Amino acid sequence: MPQITIDYSDTVGDAFDRAGFARALHRATVEIAAAEPEACKTQFRPGAYTVFGYEDPEARGHAVVHVTIGLLAGRAEETKAKLTEAVLELLREHVAGTAVTVHASAEVRDLDASYRKYDG
């Protein structure tokens, strides 16, 4: 915990400083949600095909970045909201200089009670 997944359109390309974003996101998660630094795990999943509204997908004028953070249950809604706002601010800083329009979103959710992990 936390389990962080970032889905993003490959149209953001090199404009997305993934390493810098992950470091900053881990710091924010530790500060805001009282997570342990060594527990922060982030996986980036690029998407090769993004469709936005009625735009021809071949135009590739838009990008989607969505961050999902799964935390163990027990955090206040205010804490989750503060973390999602921090995520969006960090995305503004780390997805810069791209010619496409970026549509960013974030969600902090409770991990299901069945959540287990293995370190090996």
C-alpha atoms as a PDB file:
ATOM      1  CA  MET A   1       0.000   0.000   0.000  1.00  0.00           C
ATOM      2  CA  PRO A   2      -0.371   2.466  -1.630  1.00  0.00           C
ATOM      3  CA  GLN A   3      -0.956   0.937  -5.029  1.00  0.00           C
ATOM      4  CA  ILE A   4      -0.595   3.670  -7.671  1.00  0.00           C
ATOM      5  CA  THR A   5      -1.460   3.160 -11.325  1.00  0.00           C
ATOM      6  CA  ILE A   6      -1.046   5.785 -14.013  1.00  0.00           C
ATOM      7  CA  ASP A   7      -2.761   5.265 -17.350  1.00  0.00           C
ATOM      8  CA  TYR A   8      -1.656   7.757 -19.972  1.00  0.00           C
ATOM      9  CA  SER A   9      -1.875   8.358 -23.693  1.00  0.00           C
ATOM     10  CA  ASP A  10       1.383   7.850 -25.496  1.00  0.00           C
ATOM     11  CA  THR A  11       0.754  11.167 -27.259  1.00  0.00           C
ATOM     12  CA  VAL A  12       2.253  12.945 -24.237  1.00  0.00           C
ATOM     13  CA  GLY A  13       5.513  11.190 -25.119  1.00  0.00           C
ATOM     14  CA  ASP A  14       8.666  12.599 -23.634  1.00  0.00           C
ATOM     15  CA  ALA A  15       6.754  15.612 -22.281  1.00  0.00           C
ATOM     16  CA  PHE A  16       5.664  13.420 -19.339  1.00  0.00           C
ATOM     17  CA  ASP A  17       8.449  13.337 -16.751  1.00  0.00           C
ATOM     18  CA  ARG A  18       7.381  10.000 -15.306  1.00  0.00           C
ATOM     19  CA  ALA A  19      10.343   9.543 -12.959  1.00  0.00           C
ATOM     20  CA  GLY A  20      10.018  13.053 -11.533  1.00  0.00           C
ATOM     21  CA  PHE A  21       6.257  12.666 -11.214  1.00  0.00           C
ATOM     22  CA  ALA A  22       6.581   9.342  -9.369  1.00  0.00           C
ATOM     23  CA  ARG A  23       9.089  10.777  -6.891  1.00  0.00           C
ATOM     24  CA  ALA A  24       6.939  13.840  -6.225  1.00  0.00           C
ATOM     25  CA  LEU A  25       3.774  11.738  -5.987  1.00  0.00           C
ATOM     26  CA  HIS A  26       5.383   9.395  -3.467  1.00  0.00           C
ATOM     27  CA  ARG A  27       6.439  12.379  -1.341  1.00  0.00           C
ATOM     28  CA  ALA A  28       2.922  13.839  -1.488  1.00  0.00           C
ATOM     29  CA  THR A  29       1.353  10.492  -0.596  1.00  0.00           C
ATOM     30  CA  VAL A  30       3.643  10.151   2.416  1.00  0.00           C
ATOM     31  CA  GLU A  31       2.973  13.725   3.578  1.00  0.00           C
ATOM     32  CA  ILE A  32      -0.770  13.819   2.965  1.00  0.00           C
ATOM     33  CA  ALA A  33      -1.916  10.234   3.522  1.00  0.00           C
ATOM     34  CA  ALA A  34       0.712   9.124   6.084  1.00  0.00           C
ATOM     35  CA  ALA A  35       1.970   6.321   3.842  1.00  0.00           C
ATOM     36  CA  GLU A  36       5.369   4.755   4.347  1.00  0.00           C
ATOM     37  CA  PRO A  37       7.853   5.751   1.617  1.00  0.00           C
ATOM     38  CA  GLU A  38       8.947   2.173   0.966  1.00  0.00           C
ATOM     39  CA  ALA A  39       5.309   1.133   0.552  1.00  0.00           C
ATOM     40  CA  CYS A  40       4.703   3.469  -2.409  1.00  0.00           C
ATOM     41  CA  LYS A  41       4.558   1.485  -5.646  1.00  0.00           C
ATOM     42  CA  THR A  42       3.745   3.082  -8.979  1.00  0.00           C
ATOM     43  CA  GLN A  43       3.075   1.465 -12.326  1.00  0.00           C
ATOM     44  CA  PHE A  44       2.828   3.461 -15.565  1.00  0.00           C
ATOM     45  CA  ARG A  45       0.652   2.043 -18.357  1.00  0.00           C
ATOM     46  CA  PRO A  46       0.912   3.857 -21.691  1.00  0.00           C
ATOM     47  CA  GLY A  47      -2.039   3.676 -24.041  1.00  0.00           C
ATOM     48  CA  ALA A  48      -1.296   3.614 -27.755  1.00  0.00           C
ATOM     49  CA  TYR A  49      -4.766   4.669 -28.848  1.00  0.00           C
ATOM     50  CA  THR A  50      -6.803   7.499 -27.322  1.00  0.00           C
ATOM     51  CA  VAL A  51     -10.203   8.617 -28.576  1.00  0.00           C
ATOM     52  CA  PHE A  52     -11.561  11.973 -27.472  1.00  0.00           C
ATOM     53  CA  GLY A  53     -15.135  13.028 -28.180  1.00  0.00           C
ATOM     54  CA  TYR A  54     -15.911  13.098 -31.889  1.00  0.00           C
ATOM     55  CA  GLU A  55     -12.352  13.874 -32.928  1.00  0.00           C
ATOM     56  CA  ASP A  56     -10.760  11.579 -35.497  1.00  0.00           C
ATOM     57  CA  PRO A  57      -8.463   9.397 -33.353  1.00  0.00           C
ATOM     58  CA  GLU A  58      -5.779   9.667 -36.015  1.00  0.00           C
ATOM     59  CA  ALA A  59      -5.577  13.415 -35.308  1.00  0.00           C
ATOM     60  CA  ARG A  60      -3.914  12.557 -31.958  1.00  0.00           C
ATOM     61  CA  GLY A  61      -4.626  16.033 -30.599  1.00  0.00           C
ATOM     62  CA  HIS A  62      -5.631  14.937 -27.112  1.00  0.00           C
ATOM     63  CA  ALA A  63      -4.086  12.925 -24.310  1.00  0.00           C
ATOM     64  CA  VAL A  64      -5.595  11.363 -21.225  1.00  0.00           C
ATOM     65  CA  VAL A  65      -3.714  10.902 -17.958  1.00  0.00           C
ATOM     66  CA  HIS A  66      -5.556   9.163 -15.131  1.00  0.00           C
ATOM     67  CA  VAL A  67      -4.004   8.397 -11.743  1.00  0.00           C
ATOM     68  CA  THR A  68      -5.557   5.838  -9.421  1.00  0.00           C
ATOM     69  CA  ILE A  69      -4.270   5.543  -5.862  1.00  0.00           C
ATOM     70  CA  GLY A  70      -5.427   2.620  -3.761  1.00  0.00           C
ATOM     71  CA  LEU A  71      -4.977   3.079  -0.015  1.00  0.00           C
ATOM     72  CA  LEU A  72      -5.852   0.873   2.908  1.00  0.00           C
ATOM     73  CA  ALA A  73      -9.226   1.916   4.299  1.00  0.00           C
ATOM     74  CA  GLY A  74      -9.488   4.459   7.073  1.00  0.00           C
ATOM     75  CA  ARG A  75      -8.446   7.776   5.545  1.00  0.00           C
ATOM     76  CA  ALA A  76     -10.850  10.691   5.834  1.00  0.00           C
ATOM     77  CA  GLU A  77     -12.563  11.955   2.684  1.00  0.00           C
ATOM     78  CA  GLU A  78     -10.776  15.289   3.197  1.00  0.00           C
ATOM     79  CA  THR A  79      -7.412  13.504   3.078  1.00  0.00           C
ATOM     80  CA  LYS A  80      -8.351  11.725  -0.148  1.00  0.00           C
ATOM     81  CA  ALA A  81      -9.559  14.976  -1.712  1.00  0.00           C
ATOM     82  CA  LYS A  82      -6.365  16.788  -0.696  1.00  0.00           C
ATOM     83  CA  LEU A  83      -4.293  14.002  -2.262  1.00  0.00           C
ATOM     84  CA  THR A  84      -6.224  14.079  -5.552  1.00  0.00           C
ATOM     85  CA  GLU A  85      -5.755  17.854  -5.756  1.00  0.00           C
ATOM     86  CA  ALA A  86      -2.031  17.388  -5.150  1.00  0.00           C
ATOM     87  CA  VAL A  87      -1.912  14.758  -7.904  1.00  0.00           C
ATOM     88  CA  LEU A  88      -3.493  17.145 -10.416  1.00  0.00           C
ATOM     89  CA  GLU A  89      -1.073  19.925  -9.476  1.00  0.00           C
ATOM     90  CA  LEU A  90       1.877  17.556  -9.862  1.00  0.00           C
ATOM     91  CA  LEU A  91       0.591  16.462 -13.271  1.00  0.00           C
ATOM     92  CA  ARG A  92       0.487  20.109 -14.376  1.00  0.00           C
ATOM     93  CA  GLU A  93       4.160  20.363 -13.429  1.00  0.00           C
ATOM     94  CA  HIS A  94       5.309  17.049 -14.908  1.00  0.00           C
ATOM     95  CA  VAL A  95       3.327  16.934 -18.166  1.00  0.00           C
ATOM     96  CA  ALA A  96       4.547  20.104 -19.800  1.00  0.00           C
ATOM     97  CA  GLY A  97       5.580  21.249 -23.215  1.00  0.00           C
ATOM     98  CA  THR A  98       3.319  18.916 -25.154  1.00  0.00           C
ATOM     99  CA  ALA A  99       1.479  20.056 -28.261  1.00  0.00           C
ATOM    100  CA  VAL A 100      -1.613  18.011 -27.384  1.00  0.00           C
ATOM    101  CA  THR A 101      -4.425  18.931 -25.017  1.00  0.00           C
ATOM    102  CA  VAL A 102      -4.039  16.941 -21.800  1.00  0.00           C
ATOM    103  CA  HIS A 103      -7.104  15.762 -19.900  1.00  0.00           C
ATOM    104  CA  ALA A 104      -5.946  14.784 -16.413  1.00  0.00           C
ATOM    105  CA  SER A 105      -7.874  13.116 -13.622  1.00  0.00           C
ATOM    106  CA  ALA A 106      -7.152  11.398 -10.334  1.00  0.00           C
ATOM    107  CA  GLU A 107      -8.946   9.112  -7.945  1.00  0.00           C
ATOM    108  CA  VAL A 108      -8.054   7.936  -4.448  1.00  0.00           C
ATOM    109  CA  ARG A 109      -9.951   4.862  -3.388  1.00  0.00           C
ATOM    110  CA  ASP A 110      -9.934   2.392  -0.537  1.00  0.00           C
ATOM    111  CA  LEU A 111      -8.421  -0.977  -1.300  1.00  0.00           C
ATOM    112  CA  ASP A 112     -10.874  -3.810  -0.861  1.00  0.00           C
ATOM    113  CA  ALA A 113     -10.775  -5.724   2.421  1.00  0.00           C
ATOM    114  CA  SER A 114      -9.504  -8.735   0.438  1.00  0.00           C
ATOM    115  CA  TYR A 115      -6.275  -6.882  -0.479  1.00  0.00           C
ATOM    116  CA  ARG A 116      -3.120  -8.832   0.294  1.00  0.00           C
ATOM    117  CA  LYS A 117       0.437  -8.402  -0.929  1.00  0.00           C
ATOM    118  CA  TYR A 118       3.531 -10.500  -1.369  1.00  0.00           C
ATOM    119  CA  ASP A 119       7.109  -9.243  -1.230  1.00  0.00           C
ATOM    120  CA  GLY A 120       9.568 -11.806  -2.388  1.00  0.00           C
END
